[in-house]
Each structure stands twice: as structure tokens, then as C-alpha cells.
Amino acid sequence: MGDEQRAKHPPEEVADLERRVRAGEWLKTGAVATLLGMGRTKVHTLVKAGVIGHRKIPGAPQKPQRECNPADVLKLLDERRRVFHGDSEDPA
């Protein structure tokens, strides 16, 4: 599903999101879904499970928005790259 999800977003958008999260910016769940190439529902599941730390930000009273911890997002991004593309942090 990752490649299908990413195909909906221009590579420049994904690259910009990666640049922002590497700079320490907390991204909303929709942006994290785009960056990771997964659906928003999956990101919400990861947030609820504590895999991705978050903070709530003001929004509509019945739907508070969440911003995701950039360190957790980067960890998942790097992990997905290793799994799906065979990339490795240690070439040895």
C-alpha cells in the first residue's frame, strides 16, 4: 500500500515533509500518513498504541487534532525504508 499511497502525492511534497520532520517539526497525522506512505487510520492506530508519541492541539471541540513526535516519525520512516527498500544505516 505504501507505493500506492505515495503515488497520490508528488515527490516534492514528500521530500518537504521529510525535511520538516528532520528539522524537528511536529507534523499532523495526515502529513505523517503522507510521509510514511500509509493511511491516516493506520497513523491513528500507531498513535493510540503509543508507537508514535503525540500532543493534542486546539481544533474543533469534538475532534482535537494531534501532532506527532518527529523522533518517532523518523524512526518509523527509517524502519520502513529498511524493510521496503532494503536500505541500511550500516553498510557493513
N, C-alpha and C. Protein backbone atom coordinates (compact mmCIF):
# COMPACT_ATOMS: atom_id res chain seq x y z
N MET A 1 0.82 -1.20 0.00
CA MET A 1 0.00 0.00 0.00
C MET A 1 0.86 1.25 0.00
N GLY A 2 2.06 1.18 0.51
CA GLY A 2 2.90 2.36 0.61
C GLY A 2 3.14 3.05 -0.71
N ASP A 3 3.49 2.28 -1.75
CA ASP A 3 3.76 2.88 -3.05
C ASP A 3 2.51 3.49 -3.65
N GLU A 4 1.36 2.83 -3.47
CA GLU A 4 0.10 3.36 -3.98
C GLU A 4 -0.22 4.67 -3.28
N GLN A 5 -0.04 4.72 -1.97
CA GLN A 5 -0.34 5.92 -1.20
C GLN A 5 0.58 7.05 -1.61
N ARG A 6 1.87 6.78 -1.79
CA ARG A 6 2.83 7.80 -2.17
C ARG A 6 2.56 8.32 -3.58
N ALA A 7 2.02 7.47 -4.46
CA ALA A 7 1.76 7.88 -5.83
C ALA A 7 0.76 9.02 -5.89
N LYS A 8 -0.04 9.18 -4.87
CA LYS A 8 -1.03 10.25 -4.83
C LYS A 8 -0.39 11.60 -4.49
N HIS A 9 0.81 11.59 -4.02
CA HIS A 9 1.48 12.81 -3.59
C HIS A 9 2.76 13.02 -4.38
N PRO A 10 2.98 14.24 -4.86
CA PRO A 10 4.22 14.49 -5.62
C PRO A 10 5.45 14.25 -4.74
N PRO A 11 6.53 13.75 -5.34
CA PRO A 11 7.76 13.51 -4.56
C PRO A 11 8.25 14.76 -3.84
N GLU A 12 8.00 15.92 -4.42
CA GLU A 12 8.44 17.17 -3.77
C GLU A 12 7.71 17.38 -2.46
N GLU A 13 6.44 17.01 -2.41
CA GLU A 13 5.67 17.16 -1.17
C GLU A 13 6.21 16.23 -0.09
N VAL A 14 6.48 14.98 -0.46
CA VAL A 14 7.02 14.01 0.49
C VAL A 14 8.40 14.46 0.97
N ALA A 15 9.23 14.95 0.04
CA ALA A 15 10.57 15.42 0.41
C ALA A 15 10.49 16.61 1.36
N ASP A 16 9.52 17.50 1.13
CA ASP A 16 9.36 18.66 2.02
C ASP A 16 8.94 18.21 3.41
N LEU A 17 8.03 17.25 3.48
CA LEU A 17 7.61 16.74 4.79
C LEU A 17 8.77 16.10 5.52
N GLU A 18 9.61 15.35 4.79
CA GLU A 18 10.77 14.73 5.42
C GLU A 18 11.74 15.79 5.93
N ARG A 19 11.96 16.82 5.14
CA ARG A 19 12.86 17.91 5.56
C ARG A 19 12.33 18.55 6.84
N ARG A 20 11.02 18.79 6.89
CA ARG A 20 10.41 19.44 8.05
C ARG A 20 10.52 18.57 9.31
N VAL A 21 10.26 17.27 9.16
CA VAL A 21 10.31 16.39 10.34
C VAL A 21 11.76 16.21 10.79
N ARG A 22 12.71 16.18 9.86
CA ARG A 22 14.13 16.08 10.25
C ARG A 22 14.60 17.35 10.96
N ALA A 23 13.93 18.47 10.69
CA ALA A 23 14.25 19.73 11.37
C ALA A 23 13.59 19.81 12.75
N GLY A 24 12.82 18.76 13.11
CA GLY A 24 12.21 18.73 14.44
C GLY A 24 10.78 19.22 14.50
N GLU A 25 10.15 19.43 13.34
CA GLU A 25 8.78 19.92 13.32
C GLU A 25 7.80 18.79 13.66
N TRP A 26 6.84 19.09 14.50
CA TRP A 26 5.78 18.15 14.82
C TRP A 26 4.73 18.25 13.72
N LEU A 27 4.45 17.13 13.04
CA LEU A 27 3.50 17.12 11.92
C LEU A 27 2.16 16.55 12.35
N LYS A 28 1.09 17.03 11.70
CA LYS A 28 -0.23 16.48 11.95
C LYS A 28 -0.30 15.07 11.36
N THR A 29 -1.26 14.30 11.83
CA THR A 29 -1.35 12.90 11.45
C THR A 29 -1.50 12.70 9.94
N GLY A 30 -2.22 13.57 9.26
CA GLY A 30 -2.37 13.45 7.81
C GLY A 30 -1.05 13.60 7.08
N ALA A 31 -0.23 14.55 7.53
CA ALA A 31 1.09 14.75 6.93
C ALA A 31 2.00 13.55 7.21
N VAL A 32 1.89 12.98 8.40
CA VAL A 32 2.68 11.80 8.74
C VAL A 32 2.27 10.63 7.86
N ALA A 33 0.97 10.48 7.62
CA ALA A 33 0.48 9.42 6.73
C ALA A 33 1.07 9.57 5.33
N THR A 34 1.10 10.79 4.83
CA THR A 34 1.68 11.05 3.52
C THR A 34 3.16 10.70 3.50
N LEU A 35 3.89 11.14 4.52
CA LEU A 35 5.32 10.89 4.58
C LEU A 35 5.64 9.39 4.66
N LEU A 36 4.87 8.67 5.46
CA LEU A 36 5.14 7.25 5.67
C LEU A 36 4.51 6.36 4.60
N GLY A 37 3.66 6.95 3.75
CA GLY A 37 3.03 6.16 2.71
C GLY A 37 1.99 5.20 3.23
N MET A 38 1.22 5.65 4.22
CA MET A 38 0.16 4.82 4.78
C MET A 38 -1.07 5.67 4.99
N GLY A 39 -2.17 5.04 5.29
CA GLY A 39 -3.41 5.76 5.52
C GLY A 39 -3.44 6.44 6.88
N ARG A 40 -4.32 7.43 6.99
CA ARG A 40 -4.48 8.14 8.27
C ARG A 40 -4.94 7.21 9.38
N THR A 41 -5.80 6.26 9.04
CA THR A 41 -6.29 5.32 10.04
C THR A 41 -5.14 4.56 10.68
N LYS A 42 -4.18 4.13 9.87
CA LYS A 42 -3.02 3.40 10.39
C LYS A 42 -2.20 4.31 11.32
N VAL A 43 -2.03 5.57 10.93
CA VAL A 43 -1.29 6.51 11.79
C VAL A 43 -2.02 6.69 13.11
N HIS A 44 -3.34 6.84 13.08
CA HIS A 44 -4.12 6.97 14.32
C HIS A 44 -3.97 5.73 15.19
N THR A 45 -3.93 4.56 14.57
CA THR A 45 -3.73 3.31 15.32
C THR A 45 -2.37 3.32 16.00
N LEU A 46 -1.33 3.76 15.28
CA LEU A 46 0.02 3.81 15.85
C LEU A 46 0.10 4.84 16.99
N VAL A 47 -0.62 5.94 16.85
CA VAL A 47 -0.66 6.96 17.91
C VAL A 47 -1.34 6.38 19.15
N LYS A 48 -2.49 5.76 18.94
CA LYS A 48 -3.23 5.19 20.08
C LYS A 48 -2.44 4.08 20.77
N ALA A 49 -1.65 3.34 20.00
CA ALA A 49 -0.85 2.25 20.57
C ALA A 49 0.42 2.76 21.25
N GLY A 50 0.72 4.04 21.11
CA GLY A 50 1.90 4.61 21.74
C GLY A 50 3.17 4.44 20.92
N VAL A 51 3.05 3.95 19.69
CA VAL A 51 4.22 3.79 18.82
C VAL A 51 4.72 5.17 18.37
N ILE A 52 3.77 6.07 18.12
CA ILE A 52 4.10 7.45 17.77
C ILE A 52 3.59 8.34 18.89
N GLY A 53 4.53 9.03 19.55
CA GLY A 53 4.14 9.98 20.58
C GLY A 53 3.41 11.16 19.93
N HIS A 54 2.55 11.81 20.68
CA HIS A 54 1.79 12.92 20.11
C HIS A 54 1.47 13.96 21.17
N ARG A 55 1.00 15.07 20.68
CA ARG A 55 0.44 16.10 21.56
C ARG A 55 -0.83 16.61 20.88
N LYS A 56 -1.80 16.97 21.68
CA LYS A 56 -3.06 17.48 21.14
C LYS A 56 -2.94 18.98 20.95
N ILE A 57 -3.53 19.45 19.86
CA ILE A 57 -3.55 20.89 19.59
C ILE A 57 -5.01 21.31 19.45
N PRO A 58 -5.28 22.59 19.68
CA PRO A 58 -6.67 23.05 19.59
C PRO A 58 -7.26 22.79 18.22
N GLY A 59 -8.49 22.36 18.23
CA GLY A 59 -9.24 22.11 17.00
C GLY A 59 -10.71 22.19 17.34
N ALA A 60 -11.52 21.64 16.50
CA ALA A 60 -12.95 21.57 16.81
C ALA A 60 -13.10 20.78 18.11
N PRO A 61 -14.03 21.20 18.99
CA PRO A 61 -14.15 20.54 20.30
C PRO A 61 -14.34 19.03 20.22
N GLN A 62 -15.08 18.55 19.23
CA GLN A 62 -15.30 17.12 19.13
C GLN A 62 -14.17 16.39 18.41
N LYS A 63 -13.24 17.12 17.79
CA LYS A 63 -12.13 16.48 17.07
C LYS A 63 -10.82 17.21 17.33
N PRO A 64 -10.24 17.03 18.51
CA PRO A 64 -8.93 17.67 18.73
C PRO A 64 -7.91 17.07 17.76
N GLN A 65 -7.06 17.91 17.25
CA GLN A 65 -6.04 17.43 16.31
C GLN A 65 -4.80 17.01 17.08
N ARG A 66 -4.02 16.13 16.44
CA ARG A 66 -2.80 15.64 17.06
C ARG A 66 -1.61 15.97 16.19
N GLU A 67 -0.52 16.28 16.84
CA GLU A 67 0.75 16.43 16.15
C GLU A 67 1.66 15.32 16.65
N CYS A 68 2.43 14.75 15.73
CA CYS A 68 3.23 13.58 16.04
C CYS A 68 4.68 13.94 16.34
N ASN A 69 5.25 13.23 17.30
CA ASN A 69 6.63 13.44 17.72
C ASN A 69 7.57 13.13 16.55
N PRO A 70 8.38 14.11 16.14
CA PRO A 70 9.25 13.90 14.98
C PRO A 70 10.26 12.76 15.16
N ALA A 71 10.74 12.54 16.36
CA ALA A 71 11.69 11.44 16.58
C ALA A 71 11.04 10.09 16.28
N ASP A 72 9.79 9.92 16.71
CA ASP A 72 9.08 8.67 16.47
C ASP A 72 8.78 8.50 14.98
N VAL A 73 8.42 9.60 14.32
CA VAL A 73 8.12 9.55 12.88
C VAL A 73 9.38 9.17 12.10
N LEU A 74 10.50 9.76 12.45
CA LEU A 74 11.76 9.44 11.76
C LEU A 74 12.16 7.99 11.98
N LYS A 75 11.95 7.50 13.17
CA LYS A 75 12.28 6.10 13.46
C LYS A 75 11.46 5.18 12.56
N LEU A 76 10.16 5.46 12.44
CA LEU A 76 9.31 4.64 11.58
C LEU A 76 9.68 4.81 10.10
N LEU A 77 10.00 6.02 9.69
CA LEU A 77 10.39 6.26 8.30
C LEU A 77 11.64 5.46 7.95
N ASP A 78 12.64 5.53 8.80
CA ASP A 78 13.88 4.79 8.55
C ASP A 78 13.63 3.28 8.56
N GLU A 79 12.78 2.83 9.49
CA GLU A 79 12.45 1.40 9.58
C GLU A 79 11.73 0.93 8.31
N ARG A 80 10.78 1.73 7.83
CA ARG A 80 10.04 1.36 6.62
C ARG A 80 10.98 1.32 5.41
N ARG A 81 11.92 2.22 5.35
CA ARG A 81 12.86 2.22 4.23
C ARG A 81 13.72 0.96 4.24
N ARG A 82 14.15 0.55 5.42
CA ARG A 82 14.95 -0.68 5.51
C ARG A 82 14.13 -1.88 5.09
N VAL A 83 12.89 -1.94 5.52
CA VAL A 83 12.04 -3.10 5.23
C VAL A 83 11.63 -3.13 3.76
N PHE A 84 11.16 -2.00 3.23
CA PHE A 84 10.59 -1.99 1.89
C PHE A 84 11.62 -1.78 0.78
N HIS A 85 12.73 -1.14 1.09
CA HIS A 85 13.70 -0.82 0.05
C HIS A 85 15.06 -1.44 0.31
N GLY A 86 15.21 -2.13 1.42
CA GLY A 86 16.48 -2.77 1.71
C GLY A 86 17.57 -1.80 2.10
N ASP A 87 17.20 -0.53 2.38
CA ASP A 87 18.19 0.44 2.82
C ASP A 87 18.69 0.05 4.19
N SER A 88 19.93 0.39 4.47
CA SER A 88 20.53 0.06 5.76
C SER A 88 21.35 1.23 6.24
N GLU A 89 21.28 1.47 7.55
CA GLU A 89 22.09 2.54 8.13
C GLU A 89 23.56 2.13 8.18
N ASP A 90 23.80 0.83 8.31
CA ASP A 90 25.18 0.33 8.42
C ASP A 90 25.47 -0.53 7.21
N PRO A 91 26.27 -0.04 6.25
CA PRO A 91 26.52 -0.79 5.03
C PRO A 91 27.39 -2.03 5.23
N ALA A 92 27.97 -2.21 6.41
CA ALA A 92 28.86 -3.35 6.65
C ALA A 92 28.15 -4.65 6.76
